[in-house]
N, C-alpha and C. Protein backbone atom coordinates (compact mmCIF):
# COMPACT_ATOMS: atom_id res chain seq x y z
N MET A 1 176.57 83.21 90.20
CA MET A 1 177.09 83.94 91.33
C MET A 1 175.98 84.08 92.37
N LEU A 2 176.24 83.60 93.56
CA LEU A 2 175.27 83.65 94.64
C LEU A 2 175.49 84.92 95.46
N LEU A 3 174.43 85.71 95.58
CA LEU A 3 174.47 86.93 96.39
C LEU A 3 173.77 86.61 97.70
N THR A 4 174.53 86.53 98.79
CA THR A 4 173.95 86.18 100.08
C THR A 4 173.87 87.41 100.98
N VAL A 5 172.93 87.37 101.92
CA VAL A 5 172.76 88.46 102.88
C VAL A 5 174.01 88.60 103.74
N ALA A 6 174.61 87.49 104.12
CA ALA A 6 175.81 87.54 104.97
C ALA A 6 176.94 88.30 104.29
N GLU A 7 177.15 88.05 103.00
CA GLU A 7 178.21 88.77 102.27
C GLU A 7 177.84 90.24 102.09
N LEU A 8 176.57 90.50 101.81
CA LEU A 8 176.13 91.88 101.56
C LEU A 8 176.11 92.71 102.84
N GLU A 9 176.00 92.06 104.00
CA GLU A 9 176.06 92.80 105.27
C GLU A 9 177.45 93.41 105.48
N ARG A 10 178.48 92.74 104.96
CA ARG A 10 179.85 93.25 105.09
C ARG A 10 180.10 94.43 104.16
N ALA A 11 179.66 94.28 102.89
CA ALA A 11 179.88 95.35 101.91
C ALA A 11 179.08 95.04 100.65
N PRO A 12 178.74 96.07 99.87
CA PRO A 12 178.09 95.81 98.58
C PRO A 12 179.02 94.99 97.69
N ILE A 13 178.42 94.21 96.80
CA ILE A 13 179.19 93.35 95.90
C ILE A 13 179.10 93.92 94.49
N ALA A 14 180.25 94.31 93.95
CA ALA A 14 180.32 94.76 92.56
C ALA A 14 180.71 93.56 91.70
N PHE A 15 180.13 93.47 90.52
CA PHE A 15 180.45 92.35 89.64
C PHE A 15 180.61 92.85 88.22
N ASP A 16 181.46 92.17 87.48
CA ASP A 16 181.70 92.41 86.06
C ASP A 16 182.06 91.05 85.49
N GLN A 17 181.09 90.38 84.85
CA GLN A 17 181.27 89.00 84.47
C GLN A 17 180.94 88.75 83.01
N GLU A 18 181.60 87.74 82.48
CA GLU A 18 181.26 87.17 81.18
C GLU A 18 180.64 85.81 81.48
N VAL A 19 179.43 85.60 81.00
CA VAL A 19 178.72 84.34 81.22
C VAL A 19 178.73 83.60 79.89
N ALA A 20 179.33 82.42 79.89
CA ALA A 20 179.48 81.63 78.67
C ALA A 20 178.12 81.13 78.17
N PRO A 21 177.98 80.97 76.85
CA PRO A 21 176.74 80.39 76.32
C PRO A 21 176.48 79.02 76.93
N GLY A 22 175.23 78.77 77.28
CA GLY A 22 174.86 77.50 77.87
C GLY A 22 174.96 77.47 79.39
N GLN A 23 175.60 78.46 79.99
CA GLN A 23 175.73 78.49 81.45
C GLN A 23 174.38 78.82 82.11
N ILE A 24 173.54 79.59 81.42
CA ILE A 24 172.19 79.90 81.90
C ILE A 24 171.22 79.16 80.99
N ASP A 25 170.31 78.42 81.58
CA ASP A 25 169.35 77.64 80.80
C ASP A 25 168.16 78.52 80.43
N PHE A 26 168.02 78.81 79.14
CA PHE A 26 166.90 79.61 78.64
C PHE A 26 165.84 78.74 77.98
N GLY A 27 166.00 77.44 78.02
CA GLY A 27 165.08 76.55 77.34
C GLY A 27 165.55 76.29 75.92
N GLU A 28 164.72 75.61 75.15
CA GLU A 28 165.10 75.22 73.80
C GLU A 28 164.91 76.32 72.76
N GLU A 29 164.13 77.33 73.06
CA GLU A 29 163.76 78.31 72.05
C GLU A 29 164.68 79.52 71.99
N LEU A 30 165.59 79.67 72.95
CA LEU A 30 166.49 80.82 72.96
C LEU A 30 167.91 80.33 73.17
N HIS A 31 168.83 80.86 72.37
CA HIS A 31 170.24 80.49 72.48
C HIS A 31 171.08 81.76 72.53
N VAL A 32 172.01 81.80 73.47
CA VAL A 32 172.97 82.90 73.55
C VAL A 32 174.08 82.57 72.56
N LEU A 33 174.36 83.49 71.63
CA LEU A 33 175.34 83.21 70.58
C LEU A 33 176.78 83.42 71.03
N HIS A 34 177.03 84.46 71.80
CA HIS A 34 178.37 84.76 72.31
C HIS A 34 178.23 84.93 73.81
N SER A 35 179.32 85.15 74.49
CA SER A 35 179.22 85.28 75.94
C SER A 35 178.37 86.51 76.30
N LEU A 36 177.64 86.37 77.36
CA LEU A 36 176.78 87.41 77.89
C LEU A 36 177.60 88.22 78.88
N HIS A 37 177.63 89.53 78.70
CA HIS A 37 178.39 90.37 79.62
C HIS A 37 177.43 91.08 80.56
N THR A 38 177.74 91.05 81.84
CA THR A 38 176.94 91.76 82.84
C THR A 38 177.86 92.46 83.82
N SER A 39 177.43 93.62 84.26
CA SER A 39 178.17 94.34 85.29
C SER A 39 177.18 95.13 86.13
N GLY A 40 177.52 95.31 87.39
CA GLY A 40 176.63 96.04 88.27
C GLY A 40 177.04 95.93 89.71
N ILE A 41 176.08 96.22 90.58
CA ILE A 41 176.33 96.19 92.01
C ILE A 41 175.10 95.66 92.73
N ALA A 42 175.36 94.89 93.78
CA ALA A 42 174.29 94.39 94.64
C ALA A 42 174.56 94.91 96.04
N ASP A 43 173.54 95.41 96.69
CA ASP A 43 173.70 95.89 98.06
C ASP A 43 172.50 95.50 98.90
N LEU A 44 172.63 95.67 100.19
CA LEU A 44 171.60 95.27 101.14
C LEU A 44 170.87 96.51 101.62
N LEU A 45 169.56 96.46 101.58
CA LEU A 45 168.72 97.53 102.12
C LEU A 45 167.95 96.96 103.30
N ARG A 46 168.00 97.67 104.40
CA ARG A 46 167.28 97.22 105.59
C ARG A 46 165.96 97.98 105.68
N GLU A 47 164.87 97.22 105.62
CA GLU A 47 163.54 97.80 105.68
C GLU A 47 163.01 97.61 107.11
N HIS A 48 162.76 98.72 107.78
CA HIS A 48 162.26 98.68 109.17
C HIS A 48 160.74 98.59 109.13
N ARG A 49 160.21 97.53 109.73
CA ARG A 49 158.76 97.30 109.75
C ARG A 49 158.21 97.34 111.17
N GLY A 50 158.85 97.99 112.01
CA GLY A 50 158.42 98.05 113.41
C GLY A 50 159.64 98.06 114.30
N PRO A 51 159.44 98.12 115.61
CA PRO A 51 160.59 98.25 116.51
C PRO A 51 161.53 97.04 116.50
N HIS A 52 161.01 95.84 116.19
CA HIS A 52 161.86 94.65 116.26
C HIS A 52 161.90 93.86 114.97
N GLU A 53 161.35 94.39 113.89
CA GLU A 53 161.33 93.64 112.64
C GLU A 53 162.07 94.42 111.55
N ILE A 54 163.15 93.84 111.10
CA ILE A 54 163.94 94.42 110.01
C ILE A 54 164.03 93.38 108.89
N VAL A 55 163.65 93.77 107.70
CA VAL A 55 163.67 92.89 106.54
C VAL A 55 164.90 93.24 105.70
N ALA A 56 165.68 92.24 105.35
CA ALA A 56 166.90 92.43 104.54
C ALA A 56 166.55 92.27 103.07
N ASP A 57 166.42 93.39 102.37
CA ASP A 57 166.14 93.37 100.93
C ASP A 57 167.46 93.46 100.16
N ILE A 58 167.54 92.74 99.06
CA ILE A 58 168.72 92.80 98.19
C ILE A 58 168.36 93.63 96.97
N ARG A 59 169.13 94.67 96.72
CA ARG A 59 168.93 95.52 95.55
C ARG A 59 170.03 95.21 94.54
N VAL A 60 169.61 94.94 93.30
CA VAL A 60 170.57 94.64 92.23
C VAL A 60 170.38 95.68 91.14
N ARG A 61 171.45 96.43 90.88
CA ARG A 61 171.48 97.41 89.79
C ARG A 61 172.54 96.94 88.81
N ALA A 62 172.13 96.68 87.58
CA ALA A 62 173.09 96.08 86.64
C ALA A 62 172.70 96.37 85.20
N SER A 63 173.62 96.02 84.33
CA SER A 63 173.37 96.08 82.89
C SER A 63 173.85 94.77 82.29
N TYR A 64 173.35 94.47 81.09
CA TYR A 64 173.80 93.28 80.39
C TYR A 64 173.79 93.55 78.89
N GLN A 65 174.68 92.85 78.20
CA GLN A 65 174.76 92.90 76.74
C GLN A 65 174.89 91.47 76.26
N ALA A 66 174.11 91.14 75.25
CA ALA A 66 174.16 89.78 74.70
C ALA A 66 173.61 89.78 73.29
N ARG A 67 173.99 88.77 72.55
CA ARG A 67 173.41 88.50 71.24
C ARG A 67 172.77 87.13 71.35
N VAL A 68 171.44 87.12 71.13
CA VAL A 68 170.69 85.86 71.28
C VAL A 68 169.98 85.51 69.98
N GLU A 69 169.59 84.27 69.90
CA GLU A 69 168.88 83.77 68.73
C GLU A 69 167.58 83.12 69.19
N VAL A 70 166.48 83.55 68.56
CA VAL A 70 165.14 83.04 68.88
C VAL A 70 164.52 82.57 67.57
N LEU A 71 163.64 81.58 67.64
CA LEU A 71 162.98 81.09 66.44
C LEU A 71 161.82 81.99 66.05
N CYS A 72 161.65 82.20 64.73
CA CYS A 72 160.53 82.96 64.20
C CYS A 72 159.24 82.22 64.56
N ALA A 73 158.23 82.95 64.97
CA ALA A 73 156.96 82.35 65.39
C ALA A 73 156.18 81.76 64.22
N ARG A 74 156.49 82.16 62.99
CA ARG A 74 155.76 81.65 61.83
C ARG A 74 156.51 80.56 61.06
N CYS A 75 157.80 80.78 60.77
CA CYS A 75 158.53 79.84 59.91
C CYS A 75 159.61 79.05 60.65
N LEU A 76 159.84 79.34 61.91
CA LEU A 76 160.81 78.65 62.77
C LEU A 76 162.26 78.83 62.34
N GLU A 77 162.55 79.85 61.53
CA GLU A 77 163.93 80.17 61.19
C GLU A 77 164.53 80.99 62.33
N PRO A 78 165.84 80.86 62.59
CA PRO A 78 166.45 81.62 63.68
C PRO A 78 166.51 83.12 63.38
N VAL A 79 166.24 83.92 64.41
CA VAL A 79 166.27 85.38 64.32
C VAL A 79 167.18 85.88 65.44
N GLN A 80 168.12 86.75 65.10
CA GLN A 80 169.06 87.26 66.09
C GLN A 80 168.55 88.58 66.68
N HIS A 81 168.82 88.75 67.98
CA HIS A 81 168.50 89.98 68.71
C HIS A 81 169.76 90.42 69.45
N ALA A 82 170.10 91.70 69.32
CA ALA A 82 171.17 92.27 70.12
C ALA A 82 170.52 92.94 71.33
N LEU A 83 170.90 92.53 72.52
CA LEU A 83 170.31 93.05 73.74
C LEU A 83 171.32 93.90 74.49
N ASP A 84 170.87 95.03 74.97
CA ASP A 84 171.71 95.93 75.76
C ASP A 84 170.76 96.69 76.69
N ASN A 85 170.61 96.20 77.92
CA ASN A 85 169.63 96.77 78.84
C ASN A 85 170.22 96.95 80.23
N THR A 86 169.52 97.75 81.02
CA THR A 86 169.85 97.94 82.43
C THR A 86 168.61 97.63 83.26
N PHE A 87 168.83 97.32 84.54
CA PHE A 87 167.72 97.10 85.44
C PHE A 87 168.11 97.48 86.86
N ASP A 88 167.10 97.78 87.66
CA ASP A 88 167.26 98.14 89.06
C ASP A 88 166.13 97.41 89.79
N LEU A 89 166.46 96.33 90.49
CA LEU A 89 165.44 95.46 91.08
C LEU A 89 165.65 95.27 92.58
N LEU A 90 164.56 95.02 93.25
CA LEU A 90 164.58 94.78 94.69
C LEU A 90 164.06 93.37 94.95
N PHE A 91 164.78 92.63 95.79
CA PHE A 91 164.40 91.26 96.14
C PHE A 91 164.25 91.17 97.65
N ARG A 92 163.17 90.57 98.07
CA ARG A 92 162.80 90.47 99.48
C ARG A 92 162.80 88.99 99.87
N PRO A 93 163.08 88.67 101.14
CA PRO A 93 163.04 87.25 101.56
C PRO A 93 161.65 86.66 101.34
N LEU A 94 161.62 85.44 100.86
CA LEU A 94 160.37 84.74 100.61
C LEU A 94 159.64 84.51 101.93
N GLY A 95 158.36 84.87 101.97
CA GLY A 95 157.54 84.63 103.14
C GLY A 95 157.40 85.80 104.09
N VAL A 96 158.10 86.91 103.87
CA VAL A 96 157.96 88.04 104.80
C VAL A 96 156.73 88.89 104.52
N ASP A 97 156.22 88.84 103.31
CA ASP A 97 155.01 89.60 102.98
C ASP A 97 153.80 88.71 103.16
N PRO A 98 152.80 89.18 103.92
CA PRO A 98 151.59 88.37 104.06
C PRO A 98 150.80 88.40 102.76
N HIS A 99 150.43 87.23 102.25
CA HIS A 99 149.68 87.14 101.00
C HIS A 99 148.38 86.39 101.26
N GLY A 100 147.29 86.97 100.79
CA GLY A 100 146.02 86.25 100.79
C GLY A 100 145.91 85.51 99.46
N ASP A 101 144.90 84.71 99.33
CA ASP A 101 144.71 83.98 98.08
C ASP A 101 144.41 84.91 96.92
N ASP A 102 143.49 85.84 97.14
CA ASP A 102 143.10 86.76 96.08
C ASP A 102 143.31 88.18 96.58
N ARG A 103 144.36 88.81 96.12
CA ARG A 103 144.58 90.20 96.49
C ARG A 103 145.23 90.90 95.31
N SER A 104 144.94 92.17 95.19
CA SER A 104 145.55 92.93 94.11
C SER A 104 146.85 93.53 94.63
N ILE A 105 147.78 93.75 93.70
CA ILE A 105 149.06 94.34 94.09
C ILE A 105 149.18 95.72 93.48
N SER A 106 149.96 96.54 94.11
CA SER A 106 150.17 97.90 93.61
C SER A 106 151.24 97.87 92.52
N PRO A 107 151.30 98.91 91.69
CA PRO A 107 152.34 98.93 90.64
C PRO A 107 153.76 98.83 91.20
N SER A 108 154.00 99.39 92.38
CA SER A 108 155.35 99.30 92.94
C SER A 108 155.71 97.88 93.35
N GLU A 109 154.70 97.08 93.71
CA GLU A 109 154.96 95.69 94.10
C GLU A 109 155.31 94.80 92.92
N THR A 110 155.02 95.23 91.71
CA THR A 110 155.37 94.41 90.54
C THR A 110 156.87 94.40 90.30
N GLU A 111 157.60 95.30 90.92
CA GLU A 111 159.05 95.37 90.73
C GLU A 111 159.81 94.72 91.88
N ILE A 112 159.11 93.97 92.72
CA ILE A 112 159.76 93.29 93.84
C ILE A 112 159.76 91.79 93.56
N GLY A 113 160.95 91.21 93.66
CA GLY A 113 161.08 89.77 93.53
C GLY A 113 161.37 89.18 94.90
N TYR A 114 161.51 87.88 94.97
CA TYR A 114 161.74 87.22 96.26
C TYR A 114 162.92 86.27 96.14
N TYR A 115 163.65 86.13 97.24
CA TYR A 115 164.75 85.18 97.29
C TYR A 115 164.54 84.23 98.46
N GLU A 116 165.15 83.05 98.36
CA GLU A 116 165.07 82.07 99.43
C GLU A 116 166.20 82.29 100.42
N LYS A 117 166.22 81.50 101.49
CA LYS A 117 167.18 81.67 102.58
C LYS A 117 168.62 81.75 102.12
N SER A 118 168.99 80.91 101.17
CA SER A 118 170.39 80.84 100.76
C SER A 118 170.86 82.10 100.05
N GLY A 119 169.97 82.82 99.43
CA GLY A 119 170.35 84.05 98.75
C GLY A 119 169.76 84.11 97.35
N LEU A 120 170.36 84.91 96.54
CA LEU A 120 169.84 85.20 95.21
C LEU A 120 170.90 84.86 94.17
N LEU A 121 170.52 84.05 93.19
CA LEU A 121 171.45 83.72 92.10
C LEU A 121 171.36 84.79 91.02
N LEU A 122 172.49 85.40 90.69
CA LEU A 122 172.54 86.42 89.66
C LEU A 122 172.09 85.85 88.32
N GLU A 123 172.40 84.60 88.05
CA GLU A 123 172.02 83.96 86.79
C GLU A 123 170.50 83.90 86.63
N ASP A 124 169.77 83.67 87.74
CA ASP A 124 168.31 83.65 87.69
C ASP A 124 167.75 85.03 87.35
N VAL A 125 168.36 86.06 87.91
CA VAL A 125 167.93 87.43 87.63
C VAL A 125 168.18 87.76 86.16
N LEU A 126 169.34 87.39 85.65
CA LEU A 126 169.66 87.65 84.24
C LEU A 126 168.73 86.90 83.31
N ARG A 127 168.43 85.63 83.62
CA ARG A 127 167.51 84.85 82.79
C ARG A 127 166.16 85.56 82.68
N GLU A 128 165.63 85.98 83.82
CA GLU A 128 164.33 86.65 83.84
C GLU A 128 164.37 87.96 83.05
N GLN A 129 165.40 88.75 83.24
CA GLN A 129 165.48 90.05 82.57
C GLN A 129 165.64 89.90 81.06
N ILE A 130 166.42 88.93 80.63
CA ILE A 130 166.60 88.71 79.19
C ILE A 130 165.30 88.23 78.56
N LEU A 131 164.63 87.29 79.19
CA LEU A 131 163.35 86.80 78.65
C LEU A 131 162.31 87.90 78.60
N LEU A 132 162.28 88.77 79.60
CA LEU A 132 161.32 89.88 79.60
C LEU A 132 161.64 90.95 78.55
N SER A 133 162.91 91.05 78.16
CA SER A 133 163.29 92.09 77.19
C SER A 133 162.99 91.70 75.74
N LEU A 134 162.74 90.41 75.51
CA LEU A 134 162.45 89.96 74.14
C LEU A 134 161.00 90.22 73.78
N PRO A 135 160.72 90.42 72.48
CA PRO A 135 159.32 90.59 72.08
C PRO A 135 158.52 89.32 72.37
N ALA A 136 157.23 89.48 72.61
CA ALA A 136 156.37 88.33 72.92
C ALA A 136 156.31 87.37 71.73
N ARG A 137 156.39 87.92 70.53
CA ARG A 137 156.32 87.10 69.32
C ARG A 137 157.39 87.61 68.36
N THR A 138 158.39 86.79 68.10
CA THR A 138 159.48 87.16 67.20
C THR A 138 159.15 86.72 65.79
N LEU A 139 159.33 87.64 64.83
CA LEU A 139 159.15 87.32 63.42
C LEU A 139 160.44 87.63 62.68
N CYS A 140 160.77 86.81 61.67
CA CYS A 140 161.96 87.08 60.87
C CYS A 140 161.73 88.30 59.98
N ALA A 141 160.49 88.51 59.56
CA ALA A 141 160.08 89.67 58.76
C ALA A 141 158.57 89.81 58.90
N LEU A 142 158.08 91.03 58.79
CA LEU A 142 156.63 91.23 58.88
C LEU A 142 155.88 90.49 57.78
N SER A 143 156.55 90.29 56.66
CA SER A 143 155.92 89.61 55.53
C SER A 143 156.14 88.09 55.55
N CYS A 144 156.60 87.55 56.66
CA CYS A 144 156.87 86.10 56.75
C CYS A 144 155.59 85.33 56.45
N LYS A 145 155.71 84.36 55.54
CA LYS A 145 154.56 83.55 55.12
C LYS A 145 154.36 82.32 56.01
N GLY A 146 155.35 81.97 56.79
CA GLY A 146 155.22 80.86 57.72
C GLY A 146 155.40 79.50 57.05
N LEU A 147 154.84 78.49 57.69
CA LEU A 147 154.93 77.11 57.21
C LEU A 147 153.58 76.67 56.65
N CYS A 148 153.62 75.79 55.68
CA CYS A 148 152.39 75.20 55.14
C CYS A 148 151.77 74.34 56.24
N THR A 149 150.48 74.50 56.44
CA THR A 149 149.81 73.75 57.50
C THR A 149 149.66 72.27 57.16
N ARG A 150 149.83 71.93 55.89
CA ARG A 150 149.68 70.52 55.49
C ARG A 150 151.02 69.80 55.44
N CYS A 151 151.99 70.34 54.70
CA CYS A 151 153.26 69.62 54.51
C CYS A 151 154.40 70.18 55.35
N GLY A 152 154.25 71.38 55.90
CA GLY A 152 155.28 71.95 56.75
C GLY A 152 156.42 72.64 56.04
N CYS A 153 156.34 72.84 54.73
CA CYS A 153 157.44 73.51 54.03
C CYS A 153 157.42 75.01 54.36
N ASN A 154 158.61 75.60 54.32
CA ASN A 154 158.75 77.03 54.58
C ASN A 154 158.28 77.78 53.34
N LEU A 155 157.17 78.49 53.45
CA LEU A 155 156.58 79.18 52.30
C LEU A 155 157.38 80.40 51.87
N ASN A 156 158.37 80.82 52.65
CA ASN A 156 159.24 81.93 52.27
C ASN A 156 160.28 81.48 51.25
N THR A 157 160.66 80.20 51.30
CA THR A 157 161.74 79.71 50.44
C THR A 157 161.32 78.63 49.46
N GLU A 158 160.15 78.02 49.66
CA GLU A 158 159.70 76.92 48.80
C GLU A 158 158.28 77.19 48.31
N THR A 159 157.96 76.58 47.18
CA THR A 159 156.59 76.62 46.69
C THR A 159 155.93 75.32 47.13
N CYS A 160 154.79 75.47 47.75
CA CYS A 160 154.09 74.31 48.29
C CYS A 160 153.27 73.64 47.19
N ASN A 161 153.26 72.32 47.16
CA ASN A 161 152.49 71.56 46.18
C ASN A 161 151.12 71.12 46.71
N CYS A 162 150.79 71.54 47.90
CA CYS A 162 149.50 71.17 48.48
C CYS A 162 148.40 71.96 47.80
N ALA A 163 147.22 71.40 47.70
CA ALA A 163 146.08 72.08 47.06
C ALA A 163 145.63 73.23 47.95
N ASN A 164 145.50 74.41 47.34
CA ASN A 164 145.08 75.59 48.08
C ASN A 164 143.57 75.70 48.20
N ASP A 165 142.84 74.99 47.36
CA ASP A 165 141.39 75.15 47.32
C ASP A 165 140.64 74.15 48.19
N ILE A 166 141.33 73.41 48.99
CA ILE A 166 140.64 72.47 49.87
C ILE A 166 139.99 73.27 50.98
N ALA A 167 138.67 73.17 51.02
CA ALA A 167 137.91 73.98 51.98
C ALA A 167 137.74 73.24 53.30
N ASP A 168 137.65 74.01 54.33
CA ASP A 168 137.35 73.48 55.65
C ASP A 168 135.89 73.04 55.65
N PRO A 169 135.58 71.82 56.02
CA PRO A 169 134.20 71.32 55.97
C PRO A 169 133.25 72.13 56.84
N ARG A 170 133.76 72.84 57.81
CA ARG A 170 132.89 73.64 58.67
C ARG A 170 132.29 74.83 57.92
N TRP A 171 132.90 75.20 56.78
CA TRP A 171 132.42 76.33 55.99
C TRP A 171 131.56 75.88 54.79
N ALA A 172 131.32 74.62 54.66
CA ALA A 172 130.60 74.08 53.50
C ALA A 172 129.23 74.70 53.32
N THR A 173 128.50 74.93 54.39
CA THR A 173 127.15 75.53 54.30
C THR A 173 127.23 76.94 53.74
N LEU A 174 128.19 77.72 54.18
CA LEU A 174 128.35 79.08 53.65
C LEU A 174 128.73 79.05 52.18
N GLY A 175 129.56 78.09 51.79
CA GLY A 175 129.95 77.97 50.38
C GLY A 175 128.74 77.65 49.51
N SER A 176 127.83 76.82 49.98
CA SER A 176 126.63 76.49 49.20
C SER A 176 125.71 77.71 49.09
N ILE A 177 125.66 78.55 50.09
CA ILE A 177 124.84 79.76 50.02
C ILE A 177 125.42 80.70 48.97
N ARG A 178 126.73 80.83 48.94
CA ARG A 178 127.36 81.72 47.97
C ARG A 178 127.11 81.22 46.54
N SER A 179 127.16 79.94 46.32
CA SER A 179 126.94 79.40 44.97
C SER A 179 125.48 79.58 44.54
N GLN A 180 124.53 79.62 45.47
CA GLN A 180 123.13 79.86 45.13
C GLN A 180 122.87 81.30 44.73
N LYS A 181 123.62 82.24 45.25
CA LYS A 181 123.39 83.68 44.97
C LYS A 181 123.99 84.10 43.64
N LYS A 182 124.94 83.37 43.12
CA LYS A 182 125.57 83.76 41.85
C LYS A 182 124.61 83.48 40.70
N PRO A 183 124.48 84.43 39.74
CA PRO A 183 123.59 84.23 38.59
C PRO A 183 124.13 83.25 37.59
């Protein structure tokens, strides 16, 4: 759904949508299991920056509910997450804020996004918000043993036949010191 300034100048846009799995590209590591539900409102805020400069900001207030599947960071088994979040975001036209190469931003500026001339795609906003709501590292369980570094078997479900006592050659000097200290 494209939210354009021209449409928002007439009236705020209310939306209540079901987004089918696969309609938003989350990459290979995240899959939406059932349709994603979103509802909210988008409106136009006029920011006065002087007597003749008015910036058209788009404000999106919405919620979403989804069930997604992400791979475990250790064993690569699928892990499901139920998401139910709300957001209130402000989007400004790209290029209206002067940016230097190296400048710090204030905490309030971290909540401002940018849109191009054509407008703002609601699907892009949802993709960003869903990815930000997930943990940085998903685990199937805190006790997940992961994959064997040699053969790749899932150590949670299989017993690995690889030798456990093969030492890293970089530690060989320390191993010889330990053997010298033993009586």
